[in-house]
C-alpha cells in the first residue's frame, strides 16, 4: 500500500514517513471555516473530511490510499488556533498553564471506493508555568505555526507538560497508533 498524505504540516510529513509506508506528499488547501454549532470534538474530523473531498480520489492508483488530517487544541470547549503574534502566543500559554486541555486529531483514509474517518483525543496537562518560562519558549521557539502555541516535542513539552492521557503523537499532529491500526485493516 502506498500513501498519499495531503498535508502542508512538516510534523505530519515527518511522522507518517516513520510508519514504514511508501509516502507521497500532496499539497492541499481548503476552507477551514467551521460552523460554530459544530461540536469541538468534531472540528478536526470535519476539516479532514473536507480535505479528502477536495482531492481527486479518482486519480488514485489501486494500491494508493489518501490520508488527510487536521488537529485542534481545545481549552474549556473552545478552539485555540495558531497564535498571530508573540503576545497572543504568551496569552494562550498563560491560559493553558496549570490546566488540562484536549487535542483532537481527525483523520480520513480514502482509496476512491472506501472512506474511513476517525477522531483521536489526547488530554494534556501543563504544570503551572512561570511567566519567564513562557516568554523564553515563545521567543526561542516562535510557535506561531502551532495550534495552542506549543509543540509537545519542543522545550515547553519537556519541562512544562506534567502528563498526557492518550497518544503522544496525536499531540504532535498525527495519531500514529490509531492510523496504523486503521491502515492495517483498511483493505481486509
N, C-alpha and C. Protein backbone atom coordinates (compact mmCIF):
# COMPACT_ATOMS: atom_id res chain seq x y z
N UNK A 1 0.85 -1.18 0.00
CA UNK A 1 0.00 0.00 0.00
C UNK A 1 0.90 1.24 0.00
N UNK A 2 0.54 2.19 -0.85
CA UNK A 2 1.25 3.47 -0.89
C UNK A 2 0.30 4.53 -0.36
N UNK A 3 0.86 5.47 0.39
CA UNK A 3 0.05 6.52 0.99
C UNK A 3 0.28 7.85 0.28
N UNK A 4 -0.81 8.59 0.12
CA UNK A 4 -0.74 9.97 -0.36
C UNK A 4 -1.16 10.82 0.83
N UNK A 5 -0.25 11.57 1.40
CA UNK A 5 -0.57 12.45 2.52
C UNK A 5 -0.83 13.84 1.97
N UNK A 6 -2.07 14.29 2.09
CA UNK A 6 -2.44 15.64 1.65
C UNK A 6 -2.35 16.55 2.86
N UNK A 7 -1.17 17.13 3.06
CA UNK A 7 -0.94 17.96 4.25
C UNK A 7 0.23 18.89 4.00
N UNK A 8 0.12 20.08 4.54
CA UNK A 8 1.24 21.04 4.50
C UNK A 8 2.08 20.97 5.77
N UNK A 9 1.63 20.21 6.76
CA UNK A 9 2.30 20.16 8.05
C UNK A 9 3.62 19.40 7.97
N UNK A 10 4.73 20.06 8.29
CA UNK A 10 6.01 19.34 8.29
C UNK A 10 6.06 18.25 9.36
N UNK A 11 5.35 18.46 10.46
CA UNK A 11 5.35 17.44 11.51
C UNK A 11 4.59 16.19 11.05
N UNK A 12 3.45 16.37 10.39
CA UNK A 12 2.71 15.22 9.87
C UNK A 12 3.53 14.47 8.84
N UNK A 13 4.21 15.20 8.00
CA UNK A 13 5.04 14.57 6.96
C UNK A 13 6.13 13.71 7.60
N UNK A 14 6.77 14.25 8.61
CA UNK A 14 7.83 13.50 9.29
C UNK A 14 7.27 12.27 10.00
N UNK A 15 6.16 12.44 10.70
CA UNK A 15 5.58 11.33 11.45
C UNK A 15 5.14 10.18 10.54
N UNK A 16 4.42 10.49 9.47
CA UNK A 16 3.91 9.41 8.63
C UNK A 16 5.03 8.66 7.93
N UNK A 17 6.13 9.34 7.64
CA UNK A 17 7.25 8.67 6.99
C UNK A 17 7.89 7.63 7.91
N UNK A 18 7.69 7.77 9.21
CA UNK A 18 8.28 6.84 10.17
C UNK A 18 7.47 5.55 10.32
N UNK A 19 6.28 5.47 9.72
CA UNK A 19 5.46 4.26 9.82
C UNK A 19 5.93 3.15 8.89
N UNK A 20 6.79 3.47 7.93
CA UNK A 20 7.33 2.43 7.06
C UNK A 20 6.61 2.25 5.75
N UNK A 21 5.64 3.11 5.46
CA UNK A 21 4.93 3.04 4.18
C UNK A 21 5.64 3.92 3.16
N UNK A 22 5.42 3.60 1.89
CA UNK A 22 5.85 4.48 0.80
C UNK A 22 4.87 5.67 0.82
N UNK A 23 5.39 6.88 1.01
CA UNK A 23 4.54 8.06 1.18
C UNK A 23 4.88 9.11 0.13
N UNK A 24 3.84 9.64 -0.50
CA UNK A 24 3.95 10.78 -1.39
C UNK A 24 3.19 11.93 -0.76
N UNK A 25 3.74 13.12 -0.85
CA UNK A 25 3.12 14.30 -0.25
C UNK A 25 2.39 15.08 -1.34
N UNK A 26 1.17 15.50 -1.01
CA UNK A 26 0.38 16.35 -1.90
C UNK A 26 -0.06 17.57 -1.11
N UNK A 27 0.19 18.75 -1.66
CA UNK A 27 -0.29 19.97 -1.01
C UNK A 27 -1.76 20.16 -1.34
N UNK A 28 -2.51 20.55 -0.34
CA UNK A 28 -3.94 20.71 -0.50
C UNK A 28 -4.40 21.83 0.41
N UNK A 29 -5.12 22.77 -0.14
CA UNK A 29 -5.67 23.87 0.66
C UNK A 29 -7.19 23.82 0.57
N UNK A 30 -7.82 23.96 1.73
CA UNK A 30 -9.29 24.02 1.77
C UNK A 30 -9.70 25.12 2.74
N UNK A 31 -10.93 25.53 2.61
CA UNK A 31 -11.50 26.49 3.54
C UNK A 31 -11.71 25.77 4.87
N UNK A 32 -11.10 26.29 5.93
CA UNK A 32 -11.20 25.66 7.24
C UNK A 32 -12.20 26.37 8.14
N UNK A 33 -13.06 27.18 7.56
CA UNK A 33 -14.11 27.83 8.33
C UNK A 33 -15.12 26.77 8.76
N UNK A 34 -15.47 26.78 10.03
CA UNK A 34 -16.36 25.77 10.59
C UNK A 34 -17.59 26.44 11.18
N UNK A 35 -18.72 25.81 10.98
CA UNK A 35 -19.97 26.27 11.58
C UNK A 35 -19.78 26.27 13.10
N UNK A 36 -20.06 27.38 13.77
CA UNK A 36 -19.87 27.45 15.22
C UNK A 36 -20.69 26.41 16.00
N UNK A 37 -21.72 25.86 15.38
CA UNK A 37 -22.53 24.84 16.06
C UNK A 37 -21.86 23.46 16.05
N UNK A 38 -20.78 23.30 15.29
CA UNK A 38 -20.07 22.02 15.24
C UNK A 38 -19.42 21.75 16.59
N UNK A 39 -19.68 20.59 17.20
CA UNK A 39 -19.02 20.27 18.47
C UNK A 39 -17.50 20.29 18.31
N UNK A 40 -16.80 20.82 19.29
CA UNK A 40 -15.35 20.97 19.20
C UNK A 40 -14.67 19.63 18.92
N UNK A 41 -15.19 18.55 19.45
CA UNK A 41 -14.59 17.23 19.23
C UNK A 41 -14.71 16.77 17.78
N UNK A 42 -15.56 17.41 16.97
CA UNK A 42 -15.76 17.02 15.58
C UNK A 42 -15.11 17.99 14.58
N UNK A 43 -14.54 19.07 15.06
CA UNK A 43 -13.97 20.07 14.15
C UNK A 43 -12.83 19.51 13.31
N UNK A 44 -11.88 18.82 13.94
CA UNK A 44 -10.72 18.30 13.19
C UNK A 44 -11.15 17.28 12.15
N UNK A 45 -12.08 16.40 12.52
CA UNK A 45 -12.55 15.40 11.56
C UNK A 45 -13.32 16.05 10.41
N UNK A 46 -14.08 17.08 10.72
CA UNK A 46 -14.81 17.80 9.68
C UNK A 46 -13.85 18.39 8.65
N UNK A 47 -12.76 18.97 9.12
CA UNK A 47 -11.77 19.55 8.21
C UNK A 47 -11.04 18.45 7.44
N UNK A 48 -10.73 17.33 8.10
CA UNK A 48 -10.08 16.21 7.41
C UNK A 48 -10.99 15.67 6.29
N UNK A 49 -12.28 15.60 6.56
CA UNK A 49 -13.23 15.15 5.53
C UNK A 49 -13.27 16.14 4.36
N UNK A 50 -13.24 17.43 4.70
CA UNK A 50 -13.26 18.46 3.66
C UNK A 50 -12.01 18.35 2.78
N UNK A 51 -10.87 18.08 3.40
CA UNK A 51 -9.64 17.91 2.63
C UNK A 51 -9.75 16.70 1.70
N UNK A 52 -10.30 15.61 2.22
CA UNK A 52 -10.45 14.40 1.39
C UNK A 52 -11.38 14.66 0.22
N UNK A 53 -12.44 15.41 0.45
CA UNK A 53 -13.39 15.73 -0.62
C UNK A 53 -12.77 16.61 -1.70
N UNK A 54 -11.76 17.39 -1.33
CA UNK A 54 -11.13 18.29 -2.28
C UNK A 54 -10.07 17.59 -3.14
N UNK A 55 -9.68 16.39 -2.76
CA UNK A 55 -8.65 15.66 -3.50
C UNK A 55 -9.30 14.85 -4.63
N UNK A 56 -8.68 14.79 -5.79
CA UNK A 56 -9.24 14.00 -6.89
C UNK A 56 -9.02 12.49 -6.67
N UNK A 57 -9.84 11.87 -5.85
CA UNK A 57 -9.64 10.47 -5.47
C UNK A 57 -9.74 9.52 -6.67
N UNK A 58 -10.40 9.94 -7.73
CA UNK A 58 -10.48 9.09 -8.92
C UNK A 58 -9.10 8.88 -9.54
N UNK A 59 -8.15 9.76 -9.22
CA UNK A 59 -6.80 9.63 -9.76
C UNK A 59 -5.91 8.69 -8.95
N UNK A 60 -6.42 8.17 -7.82
CA UNK A 60 -5.62 7.27 -7.01
C UNK A 60 -5.42 5.93 -7.72
N UNK A 61 -4.21 5.41 -7.65
CA UNK A 61 -3.94 4.08 -8.19
C UNK A 61 -4.55 3.03 -7.26
N UNK A 62 -4.63 1.80 -7.74
CA UNK A 62 -5.28 0.72 -6.97
C UNK A 62 -4.59 0.47 -5.63
N UNK A 63 -3.29 0.74 -5.54
CA UNK A 63 -2.58 0.47 -4.29
C UNK A 63 -2.35 1.73 -3.45
N UNK A 64 -3.02 2.83 -3.78
CA UNK A 64 -2.83 4.08 -3.06
C UNK A 64 -4.00 4.38 -2.13
N UNK A 65 -3.66 4.96 -0.98
CA UNK A 65 -4.66 5.41 -0.01
C UNK A 65 -4.35 6.86 0.33
N UNK A 66 -5.37 7.69 0.21
CA UNK A 66 -5.25 9.10 0.58
C UNK A 66 -5.41 9.22 2.09
N UNK A 67 -4.53 10.01 2.70
CA UNK A 67 -4.62 10.30 4.14
C UNK A 67 -4.71 11.81 4.29
N UNK A 68 -5.78 12.26 4.95
CA UNK A 68 -5.89 13.68 5.29
C UNK A 68 -6.10 13.76 6.80
N UNK A 69 -5.69 14.89 7.38
CA UNK A 69 -5.80 15.03 8.83
C UNK A 69 -5.85 16.50 9.21
N UNK A 70 -6.35 16.73 10.40
CA UNK A 70 -6.33 18.05 11.00
C UNK A 70 -6.27 17.87 12.51
N UNK A 71 -5.67 18.83 13.19
CA UNK A 71 -5.55 18.76 14.65
C UNK A 71 -6.05 20.05 15.26
N UNK A 72 -6.81 19.90 16.35
CA UNK A 72 -7.39 21.03 17.06
C UNK A 72 -7.01 20.93 18.53
N UNK A 73 -6.59 22.05 19.09
CA UNK A 73 -6.33 22.16 20.53
C UNK A 73 -7.53 22.89 21.13
N UNK A 74 -8.08 22.32 22.21
CA UNK A 74 -9.27 22.92 22.81
C UNK A 74 -9.10 23.07 24.32
N UNK A 75 -9.51 24.21 24.81
CA UNK A 75 -9.50 24.50 26.24
C UNK A 75 -10.90 24.95 26.63
N UNK A 76 -11.47 24.28 27.60
CA UNK A 76 -12.83 24.60 28.05
C UNK A 76 -13.83 24.60 26.89
N UNK A 77 -13.64 23.67 25.96
CA UNK A 77 -14.56 23.54 24.84
C UNK A 77 -14.38 24.58 23.76
N UNK A 78 -13.33 25.40 23.83
CA UNK A 78 -13.06 26.43 22.83
C UNK A 78 -11.77 26.12 22.08
N UNK A 79 -11.82 26.28 20.78
CA UNK A 79 -10.65 26.02 19.94
C UNK A 79 -9.58 27.08 20.16
N UNK A 80 -8.34 26.61 20.32
CA UNK A 80 -7.18 27.50 20.37
C UNK A 80 -6.44 27.32 19.05
N UNK A 81 -6.47 28.31 18.21
CA UNK A 81 -5.82 28.22 16.91
C UNK A 81 -4.34 28.52 17.00
N UNK A 82 -3.79 28.90 15.88
CA UNK A 82 -2.38 29.28 15.83
C UNK A 82 -2.27 30.75 16.21
N UNK A 83 -1.35 31.08 17.09
CA UNK A 83 -1.24 32.49 17.51
C UNK A 83 -0.76 33.38 16.37
N UNK A 84 -1.28 34.58 16.33
CA UNK A 84 -0.92 35.53 15.28
C UNK A 84 0.41 36.23 15.56
N UNK A 85 0.76 36.33 16.85
CA UNK A 85 1.98 37.06 17.19
C UNK A 85 2.46 36.63 18.59
N UNK A 86 3.54 37.26 19.04
CA UNK A 86 4.14 36.93 20.33
C UNK A 86 3.14 37.09 21.47
N UNK A 87 2.43 38.20 21.50
CA UNK A 87 1.50 38.45 22.60
C UNK A 87 0.41 37.40 22.66
N UNK A 88 -0.14 37.03 21.52
CA UNK A 88 -1.19 36.02 21.51
C UNK A 88 -0.65 34.66 21.95
N UNK A 89 0.57 34.32 21.55
CA UNK A 89 1.19 33.06 21.98
C UNK A 89 1.37 33.04 23.50
N UNK A 90 1.84 34.14 24.05
CA UNK A 90 2.02 34.23 25.50
C UNK A 90 0.67 34.09 26.21
N UNK A 91 -0.35 34.76 25.71
CA UNK A 91 -1.67 34.67 26.33
C UNK A 91 -2.22 33.24 26.28
N UNK A 92 -2.03 32.55 25.17
CA UNK A 92 -2.51 31.17 25.07
C UNK A 92 -1.82 30.28 26.10
N UNK A 93 -0.51 30.41 26.19
CA UNK A 93 0.23 29.57 27.13
C UNK A 93 -0.12 29.92 28.58
N UNK A 94 -0.40 31.17 28.86
CA UNK A 94 -0.85 31.55 30.20
C UNK A 94 -2.19 30.88 30.51
N UNK A 95 -3.07 30.81 29.52
CA UNK A 95 -4.37 30.15 29.71
C UNK A 95 -4.21 28.65 29.94
N UNK A 96 -3.23 28.02 29.27
CA UNK A 96 -3.00 26.59 29.41
C UNK A 96 -2.25 26.23 30.69
N UNK A 97 -1.53 27.18 31.24
CA UNK A 97 -0.70 26.94 32.42
C UNK A 97 -1.52 26.42 33.60
N UNK A 98 -1.05 25.31 34.17
CA UNK A 98 -1.69 24.74 35.34
C UNK A 98 -3.00 24.04 35.06
N UNK A 99 -3.30 23.76 33.80
CA UNK A 99 -4.60 23.21 33.43
C UNK A 99 -4.46 22.05 32.44
N UNK A 100 -5.55 21.34 32.31
CA UNK A 100 -5.65 20.30 31.31
C UNK A 100 -6.44 20.81 30.10
N UNK A 101 -6.14 20.27 28.96
CA UNK A 101 -6.87 20.60 27.74
C UNK A 101 -6.88 19.37 26.83
N UNK A 102 -7.61 19.47 25.73
CA UNK A 102 -7.74 18.35 24.81
C UNK A 102 -7.10 18.69 23.46
N UNK A 103 -6.55 17.64 22.87
CA UNK A 103 -6.05 17.72 21.50
C UNK A 103 -6.82 16.67 20.71
N UNK A 104 -7.51 17.13 19.66
CA UNK A 104 -8.29 16.26 18.79
C UNK A 104 -7.63 16.22 17.42
N UNK A 105 -7.40 15.02 16.91
CA UNK A 105 -6.95 14.88 15.52
C UNK A 105 -7.99 14.07 14.78
N UNK A 106 -8.47 14.63 13.68
CA UNK A 106 -9.39 13.94 12.80
C UNK A 106 -8.61 13.43 11.60
N UNK A 107 -8.88 12.21 11.19
CA UNK A 107 -8.15 11.59 10.08
C UNK A 107 -9.16 10.97 9.12
N UNK A 108 -8.85 11.07 7.84
CA UNK A 108 -9.65 10.43 6.79
C UNK A 108 -8.73 9.55 5.96
N UNK A 109 -9.17 8.33 5.69
CA UNK A 109 -8.49 7.41 4.78
C UNK A 109 -9.44 7.13 3.63
N UNK A 110 -8.93 7.19 2.41
CA UNK A 110 -9.80 7.00 1.24
C UNK A 110 -9.00 6.37 0.11
N UNK A 111 -9.60 5.37 -0.53
CA UNK A 111 -8.94 4.76 -1.68
C UNK A 111 -9.73 4.94 -2.98
N UNK A 112 -10.71 5.82 -2.96
CA UNK A 112 -11.54 6.06 -4.13
C UNK A 112 -12.85 5.30 -4.06
N UNK A 113 -12.89 4.21 -3.31
CA UNK A 113 -14.11 3.43 -3.14
C UNK A 113 -14.60 3.45 -1.70
N UNK A 114 -13.66 3.31 -0.79
CA UNK A 114 -13.97 3.23 0.64
C UNK A 114 -13.35 4.43 1.34
N UNK A 115 -14.10 5.00 2.27
CA UNK A 115 -13.57 6.07 3.11
C UNK A 115 -13.80 5.72 4.57
N UNK A 116 -12.83 6.00 5.39
CA UNK A 116 -12.96 5.83 6.83
C UNK A 116 -12.53 7.13 7.50
N UNK A 117 -13.24 7.47 8.56
CA UNK A 117 -12.95 8.69 9.32
C UNK A 117 -12.88 8.32 10.79
N UNK A 118 -11.97 8.96 11.49
CA UNK A 118 -11.93 8.77 12.94
C UNK A 118 -11.31 9.99 13.60
N UNK A 119 -11.60 10.13 14.88
CA UNK A 119 -11.02 11.20 15.69
C UNK A 119 -10.33 10.58 16.89
N UNK A 120 -9.14 11.02 17.16
CA UNK A 120 -8.37 10.59 18.33
C UNK A 120 -8.27 11.77 19.28
N UNK A 121 -8.44 11.50 20.58
CA UNK A 121 -8.38 12.55 21.60
C UNK A 121 -7.28 12.25 22.60
N UNK A 122 -6.50 13.26 22.93
CA UNK A 122 -5.48 13.15 23.97
C UNK A 122 -5.66 14.30 24.94
N UNK A 123 -5.64 13.98 26.22
CA UNK A 123 -5.71 15.01 27.26
C UNK A 123 -4.29 15.38 27.67
N UNK A 124 -4.01 16.67 27.71
CA UNK A 124 -2.67 17.19 28.01
C UNK A 124 -2.77 18.07 29.24
N UNK A 125 -1.83 17.91 30.18
CA UNK A 125 -1.84 18.65 31.43
C UNK A 125 -0.52 19.42 31.62
N UNK A 126 -0.63 20.75 31.61
CA UNK A 126 0.53 21.60 31.89
C UNK A 126 0.65 21.83 33.39
N UNK A 127 1.86 21.89 33.88
CA UNK A 127 2.07 22.37 35.24
C UNK A 127 1.94 23.88 35.21
N UNK A 128 1.97 24.53 36.37
CA UNK A 128 1.96 25.99 36.41
C UNK A 128 3.28 26.49 35.82
N UNK A 129 3.17 27.28 34.77
CA UNK A 129 4.36 27.82 34.10
C UNK A 129 4.64 29.23 34.60
N UNK A 130 5.91 29.50 34.83
CA UNK A 130 6.29 30.87 35.20
C UNK A 130 6.28 31.74 33.95
N UNK A 131 6.00 33.02 34.13
CA UNK A 131 5.94 33.94 33.01
C UNK A 131 7.26 33.94 32.23
N UNK A 132 8.37 33.86 32.94
CA UNK A 132 9.69 33.86 32.27
C UNK A 132 9.86 32.62 31.39
N UNK A 133 9.32 31.50 31.83
CA UNK A 133 9.40 30.27 31.03
C UNK A 133 8.58 30.41 29.74
N UNK A 134 7.41 30.98 29.87
CA UNK A 134 6.56 31.19 28.70
C UNK A 134 7.24 32.12 27.71
N UNK A 135 7.76 33.23 28.20
CA UNK A 135 8.45 34.18 27.31
C UNK A 135 9.67 33.53 26.66
N UNK A 136 10.44 32.78 27.43
CA UNK A 136 11.61 32.11 26.88
C UNK A 136 11.20 31.18 25.74
N UNK A 137 10.16 30.39 25.98
CA UNK A 137 9.71 29.45 24.95
C UNK A 137 9.25 30.18 23.69
N UNK A 138 8.40 31.17 23.87
CA UNK A 138 7.86 31.89 22.72
C UNK A 138 8.97 32.60 21.95
N UNK A 139 9.89 33.23 22.66
CA UNK A 139 10.98 33.97 21.99
C UNK A 139 11.99 33.05 21.33
N UNK A 140 12.21 31.87 21.90
CA UNK A 140 13.20 30.94 21.35
C UNK A 140 12.64 30.06 20.25
N UNK A 141 11.43 29.55 20.45
CA UNK A 141 10.86 28.56 19.53
C UNK A 141 9.83 29.13 18.56
N UNK A 142 9.34 30.34 18.83
CA UNK A 142 8.42 31.04 17.93
C UNK A 142 7.30 30.10 17.43
N UNK A 143 6.43 29.65 18.33
CA UNK A 143 5.43 28.63 17.99
C UNK A 143 4.19 29.17 17.27
N UNK A 144 4.41 30.04 16.30
CA UNK A 144 3.30 30.71 15.63
C UNK A 144 2.60 29.83 14.60
N UNK A 145 3.20 28.68 14.28
CA UNK A 145 2.58 27.75 13.33
C UNK A 145 1.96 26.55 14.03
N UNK A 146 1.78 26.68 15.36
CA UNK A 146 1.28 25.56 16.14
C UNK A 146 -0.01 25.92 16.87
N UNK A 147 -1.02 25.08 16.70
CA UNK A 147 -2.26 25.28 17.42
C UNK A 147 -2.00 25.23 18.92
N UNK A 148 -2.57 26.17 19.65
CA UNK A 148 -2.36 26.23 21.08
C UNK A 148 -1.04 26.87 21.47
N UNK A 149 -0.25 27.29 20.50
CA UNK A 149 1.02 27.99 20.72
C UNK A 149 2.10 27.13 21.36
N UNK A 150 2.05 25.81 21.14
CA UNK A 150 3.13 24.98 21.67
C UNK A 150 3.31 23.72 20.84
N UNK A 151 4.51 23.19 20.91
CA UNK A 151 4.83 21.89 20.34
C UNK A 151 5.28 20.99 21.48
N UNK A 152 4.59 19.89 21.70
CA UNK A 152 4.92 19.00 22.81
C UNK A 152 6.34 18.44 22.67
N UNK A 153 6.84 18.34 21.44
CA UNK A 153 8.15 17.79 21.18
C UNK A 153 9.27 18.81 21.43
N UNK A 154 8.89 20.04 21.75
CA UNK A 154 9.87 21.10 21.99
C UNK A 154 10.09 21.29 23.48
N UNK A 155 10.93 22.26 23.82
CA UNK A 155 11.34 22.53 25.19
C UNK A 155 10.15 22.64 26.14
N UNK A 156 9.11 23.34 25.76
CA UNK A 156 7.96 23.55 26.65
C UNK A 156 7.30 22.21 27.00
N UNK A 157 7.28 21.28 26.08
CA UNK A 157 6.73 19.96 26.36
C UNK A 157 7.59 19.18 27.33
N UNK A 158 8.89 19.35 27.21
CA UNK A 158 9.82 18.62 28.07
C UNK A 158 9.78 19.12 29.51
N UNK A 159 9.59 20.41 29.70
CA UNK A 159 9.65 20.97 31.05
C UNK A 159 8.30 21.41 31.60
N UNK A 160 7.29 21.51 30.75
CA UNK A 160 6.03 22.07 31.20
C UNK A 160 4.84 21.13 31.24
N UNK A 161 4.92 20.02 30.52
CA UNK A 161 3.78 19.11 30.48
C UNK A 161 3.99 18.02 31.52
N UNK A 162 3.08 17.99 32.49
CA UNK A 162 3.16 17.01 33.58
C UNK A 162 2.80 15.61 33.12
N UNK A 163 1.75 15.51 32.30
CA UNK A 163 1.33 14.20 31.83
C UNK A 163 0.37 14.36 30.66
N UNK A 164 0.21 13.24 29.96
CA UNK A 164 -0.81 13.17 28.92
C UNK A 164 -1.57 11.87 29.11
N UNK A 165 -2.82 11.88 28.72
CA UNK A 165 -3.62 10.67 28.66
C UNK A 165 -4.01 10.48 27.21
N UNK A 166 -3.36 9.51 26.56
CA UNK A 166 -3.61 9.27 25.15
C UNK A 166 -2.32 9.19 24.36
N UNK A 167 -2.45 9.29 23.06
CA UNK A 167 -1.34 9.14 22.12
C UNK A 167 -0.49 10.41 22.05
N UNK A 168 0.78 10.28 22.41
CA UNK A 168 1.72 11.40 22.33
C UNK A 168 1.77 11.97 20.91
N UNK A 169 1.82 11.09 19.91
CA UNK A 169 1.96 11.54 18.53
C UNK A 169 0.72 12.29 18.05
N UNK A 170 -0.41 12.03 18.66
CA UNK A 170 -1.61 12.79 18.36
C UNK A 170 -1.38 14.27 18.67
N UNK A 171 -0.69 14.55 19.76
CA UNK A 171 -0.42 15.94 20.15
C UNK A 171 0.59 16.57 19.20
N UNK A 172 1.51 15.78 18.67
CA UNK A 172 2.47 16.28 17.70
C UNK A 172 1.75 16.62 16.39
N UNK A 173 0.68 15.86 16.07
CA UNK A 173 -0.09 16.21 14.87
C UNK A 173 -0.67 15.06 14.08
N UNK A 174 -0.37 13.80 14.47
CA UNK A 174 -0.93 12.67 13.74
C UNK A 174 -0.98 11.46 14.68
N UNK A 175 -2.16 10.92 14.94
CA UNK A 175 -2.28 9.80 15.88
C UNK A 175 -1.78 8.50 15.25
N UNK A 176 -0.49 8.22 15.40
CA UNK A 176 0.14 7.13 14.67
C UNK A 176 -0.41 5.76 15.05
N UNK A 177 -0.69 5.51 16.32
CA UNK A 177 -1.19 4.21 16.74
C UNK A 177 -2.52 3.92 16.04
N UNK A 178 -3.46 4.84 16.14
CA UNK A 178 -4.78 4.65 15.52
C UNK A 178 -4.67 4.61 14.00
N UNK A 179 -3.81 5.44 13.43
CA UNK A 179 -3.64 5.45 11.98
C UNK A 179 -3.11 4.11 11.48
N UNK A 180 -2.09 3.58 12.15
CA UNK A 180 -1.53 2.30 11.74
C UNK A 180 -2.57 1.19 11.86
N UNK A 181 -3.31 1.19 12.96
CA UNK A 181 -4.36 0.19 13.18
C UNK A 181 -5.39 0.24 12.05
N UNK A 182 -5.82 1.46 11.70
CA UNK A 182 -6.82 1.61 10.64
C UNK A 182 -6.26 1.21 9.28
N UNK A 183 -5.01 1.57 9.00
CA UNK A 183 -4.41 1.18 7.73
C UNK A 183 -4.25 -0.33 7.61
N UNK A 184 -3.90 -0.97 8.72
CA UNK A 184 -3.70 -2.43 8.72
C UNK A 184 -4.99 -3.16 8.39
N UNK A 185 -6.13 -2.59 8.75
CA UNK A 185 -7.40 -3.27 8.49
C UNK A 185 -8.16 -2.63 7.32
N UNK A 186 -7.58 -1.67 6.65
CA UNK A 186 -8.29 -0.89 5.66
C UNK A 186 -8.80 -1.72 4.48
N UNK A 187 -8.01 -2.65 4.02
CA UNK A 187 -8.39 -3.40 2.82
C UNK A 187 -8.73 -4.85 3.12
N UNK A 188 -9.10 -5.17 4.32
CA UNK A 188 -9.41 -6.57 4.65
C UNK A 188 -10.85 -6.88 4.38
